[in-house]
C-alpha atoms as a PDB file:
ATOM      1  CA  UNK A   1      37.108   7.269  22.434  1.00  0.00           C
ATOM      2  CA  UNK A   2      38.487  10.667  21.508  1.00  0.00           C
ATOM      3  CA  UNK A   3      42.054  10.789  20.113  1.00  0.00           C
ATOM      4  CA  UNK A   4      42.793  13.759  22.420  1.00  0.00           C
ATOM      5  CA  UNK A   5      41.860  15.139  25.813  1.00  0.00           C
ATOM      6  CA  UNK A   6      38.226  15.571  26.746  1.00  0.00           C
ATOM      7  CA  UNK A   7      37.727  18.705  28.899  1.00  0.00           C
ATOM      8  CA  UNK A   8      34.626  18.787  31.001  1.00  0.00           C
ATOM      9  CA  UNK A   9      33.182  21.309  33.412  1.00  0.00           C
ATOM     10  CA  UNK A  10      34.208  20.578  36.999  1.00  0.00           C
ATOM     11  CA  UNK A  11      30.829  21.950  38.163  1.00  0.00           C
ATOM     12  CA  UNK A  12      27.703  19.936  38.700  1.00  0.00           C
ATOM     13  CA  UNK A  13      24.717  20.250  36.403  1.00  0.00           C
ATOM     14  CA  UNK A  14      22.900  23.168  38.103  1.00  0.00           C
ATOM     15  CA  UNK A  15      25.931  25.491  38.594  1.00  0.00           C
ATOM     16  CA  UNK A  16      26.979  24.799  34.949  1.00  0.00           C
ATOM     17  CA  UNK A  17      23.372  25.483  33.803  1.00  0.00           C
ATOM     18  CA  UNK A  18      23.258  28.680  35.784  1.00  0.00           C
ATOM     19  CA  UNK A  19      26.576  29.944  34.352  1.00  0.00           C
ATOM     20  CA  UNK A  20      25.821  28.961  30.761  1.00  0.00           C
ATOM     21  CA  UNK A  21      22.079  29.682  30.456  1.00  0.00           C
ATOM     22  CA  UNK A  22      20.938  32.033  33.115  1.00  0.00           C
ATOM     23  CA  UNK A  23      24.087  34.261  33.558  1.00  0.00           C
ATOM     24  CA  UNK A  24      25.037  33.743  29.888  1.00  0.00           C
ATOM     25  CA  UNK A  25      28.749  33.622  30.792  1.00  0.00           C
ATOM     26  CA  UNK A  26      30.060  30.378  29.219  1.00  0.00           C
ATOM     27  CA  UNK A  27      33.424  32.060  28.570  1.00  0.00           C
ATOM     28  CA  UNK A  28      34.224  31.901  32.342  1.00  0.00           C
ATOM     29  CA  UNK A  29      34.577  28.123  32.257  1.00  0.00           C
ATOM     30  CA  UNK A  30      36.354  28.184  28.928  1.00  0.00           C
ATOM     31  CA  UNK A  31      38.898  30.762  30.150  1.00  0.00           C
ATOM     32  CA  UNK A  32      39.538  28.712  33.283  1.00  0.00           C
ATOM     33  CA  UNK A  33      39.940  25.502  31.360  1.00  0.00           C
ATOM     34  CA  UNK A  34      42.328  27.095  28.873  1.00  0.00           C
ATOM     35  CA  UNK A  35      44.371  28.679  31.646  1.00  0.00           C
ATOM     36  CA  UNK A  36      44.708  25.232  33.276  1.00  0.00           C
ATOM     37  CA  UNK A  37      46.009  23.850  29.978  1.00  0.00           C
ATOM     38  CA  UNK A  38      48.390  26.763  29.495  1.00  0.00           C
ATOM     39  CA  UNK A  39      49.765  26.221  33.020  1.00  0.00           C
ATOM     40  CA  UNK A  40      51.144  22.822  31.874  1.00  0.00           C
ATOM     41  CA  UNK A  41      53.675  24.704  29.652  1.00  0.00           C
ATOM     42  CA  UNK A  42      56.533  26.985  30.473  1.00  0.00           C
ATOM     43  CA  UNK A  43      55.380  30.573  31.355  1.00  0.00           C
ATOM     44  CA  UNK A  44      56.985  32.062  28.255  1.00  0.00           C
ATOM     45  CA  UNK A  45      55.319  29.501  25.851  1.00  0.00           C
ATOM     46  CA  UNK A  46      51.793  29.871  24.565  1.00  0.00           C
ATOM     47  CA  UNK A  47      50.493  26.501  23.394  1.00  0.00           C
ATOM     48  CA  UNK A  48      47.450  28.107  21.678  1.00  0.00           C
ATOM     49  CA  UNK A  49      47.897  29.075  18.059  1.00  0.00           C
ATOM     50  CA  UNK A  50      44.331  29.599  16.928  1.00  0.00           C
ATOM     51  CA  UNK A  51      40.779  29.283  18.208  1.00  0.00           C
ATOM     52  CA  UNK A  52      37.566  28.201  16.540  1.00  0.00           C
ATOM     53  CA  UNK A  53      34.230  28.667  18.140  1.00  0.00           C
ATOM     54  CA  UNK A  54      30.595  29.378  17.411  1.00  0.00           C
ATOM     55  CA  UNK A  55      29.840  32.336  19.774  1.00  0.00           C
ATOM     56  CA  UNK A  56      31.295  35.758  20.564  1.00  0.00           C
ATOM     57  CA  UNK A  57      32.052  34.416  23.996  1.00  0.00           C
ATOM     58  CA  UNK A  58      34.440  31.852  22.437  1.00  0.00           C
ATOM     59  CA  UNK A  59      36.271  34.736  20.805  1.00  0.00           C
ATOM     60  CA  UNK A  60      36.533  36.503  24.202  1.00  0.00           C
ATOM     61  CA  UNK A  61      37.941  33.397  25.881  1.00  0.00           C
ATOM     62  CA  UNK A  62      40.522  32.715  23.192  1.00  0.00           C
ATOM     63  CA  UNK A  63      41.795  36.295  23.166  1.00  0.00           C
ATOM     64  CA  UNK A  64      41.908  36.294  26.950  1.00  0.00           C
ATOM     65  CA  UNK A  65      44.383  33.385  26.993  1.00  0.00           C
ATOM     66  CA  UNK A  66      46.643  34.905  24.378  1.00  0.00           C
ATOM     67  CA  UNK A  67      45.435  33.702  20.959  1.00  0.00           C
ATOM     68  CA  UNK A  68      46.145  36.416  18.433  1.00  0.00           C
ATOM     69  CA  UNK A  69      43.034  38.235  17.301  1.00  0.00           C
ATOM     70  CA  UNK A  70      43.775  37.353  13.635  1.00  0.00           C
ATOM     71  CA  UNK A  71      43.767  33.654  14.559  1.00  0.00           C
ATOM     72  CA  UNK A  72      40.321  33.580  16.191  1.00  0.00           C
ATOM     73  CA  UNK A  73      37.524  32.273  13.991  1.00  0.00           C
ATOM     74  CA  UNK A  74      33.785  32.085  14.559  1.00  0.00           C
ATOM     75  CA  UNK A  75      31.750  29.421  12.713  1.00  0.00           C
ATOM     76  CA  UNK A  76      28.188  30.519  11.974  1.00  0.00           C
ATOM     77  CA  UNK A  77      25.202  28.104  11.962  1.00  0.00           C
ATOM     78  CA  UNK A  78      25.545  27.499   8.244  1.00  0.00           C
ATOM     79  CA  UNK A  79      29.248  26.370   8.705  1.00  0.00           C
ATOM     80  CA  UNK A  80      30.893  29.478   7.279  1.00  0.00           C
ATOM     81  CA  UNK A  81      34.033  30.571   9.076  1.00  0.00           C
ATOM     82  CA  UNK A  82      34.368  34.318   9.920  1.00  0.00           C
ATOM     83  CA  UNK A  83      36.656  36.708  11.739  1.00  0.00           C
ATOM     84  CA  UNK A  84      34.706  38.496  14.381  1.00  0.00           C
ATOM     85  CA  UNK A  85      36.159  41.908  13.485  1.00  0.00           C
ATOM     86  CA  UNK A  86      36.158  41.398   9.701  1.00  0.00           C
ATOM     87  CA  UNK A  87      32.672  41.034   8.142  1.00  0.00           C
ATOM     88  CA  UNK A  88      34.119  40.443   4.652  1.00  0.00           C
ATOM     89  CA  UNK A  89      36.152  37.399   5.702  1.00  0.00           C
ATOM     90  CA  UNK A  90      34.083  34.299   5.010  1.00  0.00           C
ATOM     91  CA  UNK A  91      35.452  30.840   4.283  1.00  0.00           C
ATOM     92  CA  UNK A  92      34.186  27.297   4.126  1.00  0.00           C
ATOM     93  CA  UNK A  93      36.065  24.455   5.697  1.00  0.00           C
ATOM     94  CA  UNK A  94      37.145  23.414   2.198  1.00  0.00           C
ATOM     95  CA  UNK A  95      38.588  26.794   1.284  1.00  0.00           C
ATOM     96  CA  UNK A  96      40.205  27.018   4.734  1.00  0.00           C
ATOM     97  CA  UNK A  97      41.954  23.703   4.138  1.00  0.00           C
ATOM     98  CA  UNK A  98      43.523  25.157   0.936  1.00  0.00           C
ATOM     99  CA  UNK A  99      45.336  27.809   2.956  1.00  0.00           C
ATOM    100  CA  UNK A 100      45.988  25.669   6.057  1.00  0.00           C
ATOM    101  CA  UNK A 101      49.742  25.384   5.442  1.00  0.00           C
ATOM    102  CA  UNK A 102      49.938  29.188   5.209  1.00  0.00           C
ATOM    103  CA  UNK A 103      47.680  29.905   8.233  1.00  0.00           C
ATOM    104  CA  UNK A 104      49.082  27.135  10.392  1.00  0.00           C
ATOM    105  CA  UNK A 105      52.771  26.586   9.520  1.00  0.00           C
ATOM    106  CA  UNK A 106      54.381  23.360  10.705  1.00  0.00           C
ATOM    107  CA  UNK A 107      55.925  23.383  14.218  1.00  0.00           C
ATOM    108  CA  UNK A 108      59.574  22.524  14.653  1.00  0.00           C
ATOM    109  CA  UNK A 109      60.427  18.980  15.843  1.00  0.00           C
ATOM    110  CA  UNK A 110      62.046  18.391  19.193  1.00  0.00           C
ATOM    111  CA  UNK A 111      65.468  18.680  17.545  1.00  0.00           C
ATOM    112  CA  UNK A 112      64.511  22.150  16.161  1.00  0.00           C
ATOM    113  CA  UNK A 113      64.154  21.018  12.515  1.00  0.00           C
ATOM    114  CA  UNK A 114      61.021  21.708  10.524  1.00  0.00           C
ATOM    115  CA  UNK A 115      59.448  18.516   9.166  1.00  0.00           C
ATOM    116  CA  UNK A 116      59.623  17.895   5.439  1.00  0.00           C
ATOM    117  CA  UNK A 117      56.090  18.394   4.151  1.00  0.00           C
ATOM    118  CA  UNK A 118      56.025  15.107   2.185  1.00  0.00           C
ATOM    119  CA  UNK A 119      57.445  13.205   5.079  1.00  0.00           C
ATOM    120  CA  UNK A 120      55.022  14.803   7.433  1.00  0.00           C
ATOM    121  CA  UNK A 121      52.040  13.875   5.224  1.00  0.00           C
ATOM    122  CA  UNK A 122      53.401  10.319   4.804  1.00  0.00           C
ATOM    123  CA  UNK A 123      53.793   9.943   8.593  1.00  0.00           C
ATOM    124  CA  UNK A 124      50.236  11.317   9.114  1.00  0.00           C
ATOM    125  CA  UNK A 125      48.817   8.788   6.640  1.00  0.00           C
ATOM    126  CA  UNK A 126      50.670   5.954   8.384  1.00  0.00           C
ATOM    127  CA  UNK A 127      49.432   7.111  11.779  1.00  0.00           C
ATOM    128  CA  UNK A 128      45.878   7.250  10.441  1.00  0.00           C
ATOM    129  CA  UNK A 129      46.212   3.650   9.208  1.00  0.00           C
ATOM    130  CA  UNK A 130      47.386   2.547  12.631  1.00  0.00           C
ATOM    131  CA  UNK A 131      44.480   4.328  14.278  1.00  0.00           C
ATOM    132  CA  UNK A 132      42.025   2.736  11.765  1.00  0.00           C
ATOM    133  CA  UNK A 133      43.461  -0.720  12.542  1.00  0.00           C
ATOM    134  CA  UNK A 134      43.097  -0.095  16.282  1.00  0.00           C
ATOM    135  CA  UNK A 135      39.515   1.171  15.829  1.00  0.00           C
ATOM    136  CA  UNK A 136      38.544  -1.935  13.855  1.00  0.00           C
ATOM    137  CA  UNK A 137      40.338  -4.231  16.337  1.00  0.00           C
ATOM    138  CA  UNK A 138      38.532  -2.625  19.217  1.00  0.00           C
ATOM    139  CA  UNK A 139      35.219  -2.894  17.413  1.00  0.00           C
ATOM    140  CA  UNK A 140      35.777  -6.597  16.642  1.00  0.00           C
ATOM    141  CA  UNK A 141      37.361  -7.299  20.022  1.00  0.00           C
ATOM    142  CA  UNK A 142      40.613  -8.513  18.477  1.00  0.00           C
ATOM    143  CA  UNK A 143      44.055  -8.918  20.055  1.00  0.00           C
ATOM    144  CA  UNK A 144      47.148  -7.279  18.504  1.00  0.00           C
ATOM    145  CA  UNK A 145      48.383 -10.722  17.372  1.00  0.00           C
ATOM    146  CA  UNK A 146      45.267 -11.056  15.128  1.00  0.00           C
ATOM    147  CA  UNK A 147      46.253  -8.030  13.094  1.00  0.00           C
ATOM    148  CA  UNK A 148      49.021  -8.521  10.570  1.00  0.00           C
ATOM    149  CA  UNK A 149      51.219  -5.710   9.102  1.00  0.00           C
ATOM    150  CA  UNK A 150      49.572  -6.025   5.677  1.00  0.00           C
ATOM    151  CA  UNK A 151      46.479  -4.445   7.114  1.00  0.00           C
ATOM    152  CA  UNK A 152      44.420  -7.575   7.471  1.00  0.00           C
ATOM    153  CA  UNK A 153      43.095  -9.209  10.568  1.00  0.00           C
ATOM    154  CA  UNK A 154      42.231 -12.861  10.837  1.00  0.00           C
ATOM    155  CA  UNK A 155      39.122 -13.676  12.838  1.00  0.00           C
ATOM    156  CA  UNK A 156      38.380 -17.257  13.804  1.00  0.00           C
ATOM    157  CA  UNK A 157      34.916 -18.346  12.947  1.00  0.00           C
ATOM    158  CA  UNK A 158      33.190 -21.615  13.864  1.00  0.00           C
ATOM    159  CA  UNK A 159      34.363 -23.431  10.735  1.00  0.00           C
ATOM    160  CA  UNK A 160      36.906 -21.236   8.978  1.00  0.00           C
ATOM    161  CA  UNK A 161      39.062 -18.175   9.198  1.00  0.00           C
ATOM    162  CA  UNK A 162      38.122 -15.089   7.233  1.00  0.00           C
ATOM    163  CA  UNK A 163      40.269 -12.108   6.378  1.00  0.00           C
ATOM    164  CA  UNK A 164      38.859  -8.689   6.846  1.00  0.00           C
ATOM    165  CA  UNK A 165      40.550  -5.879   4.922  1.00  0.00           C
ATOM    166  CA  UNK A 166      41.124  -2.907   7.212  1.00  0.00           C
ATOM    167  CA  UNK A 167      42.353  -0.415   4.604  1.00  0.00           C
ATOM    168  CA  UNK A 168      41.422   0.366   1.002  1.00  0.00           C
END
């Protein structure tokens, strides 16, 4: 299951096919979907900080819903990340990750404080461990009681119990 929302076209197959392939206007759906998401927030708040896509139409949709031109990136078929209006800007995912903190500064917490970077990374690592435990438990059809805090799960076998390490 995805960790976040899954946004699908509300249209049936043929209207979607017509819009995407025949009319070549995929941005119409994307703009409508992004507008629907934006409507969940206060009118003076833009929840979109950046946009990544693989077509010029993605760029068009992101800018239309208020993403700053400088924060819209297009990924070419070889995986290189570009700005649509800057032919000299080319980054790989790896080089982009090196400037992620600069490009995407941390958002303030609910109490208005910015998270401490080390604490944020530690919390993120702990959250990933929990997600990994849940994925494994789901895969093995385990109950929460079968997973202990040390990161091991006990699975009853016919003759014995075996411990399966979940984390490295």
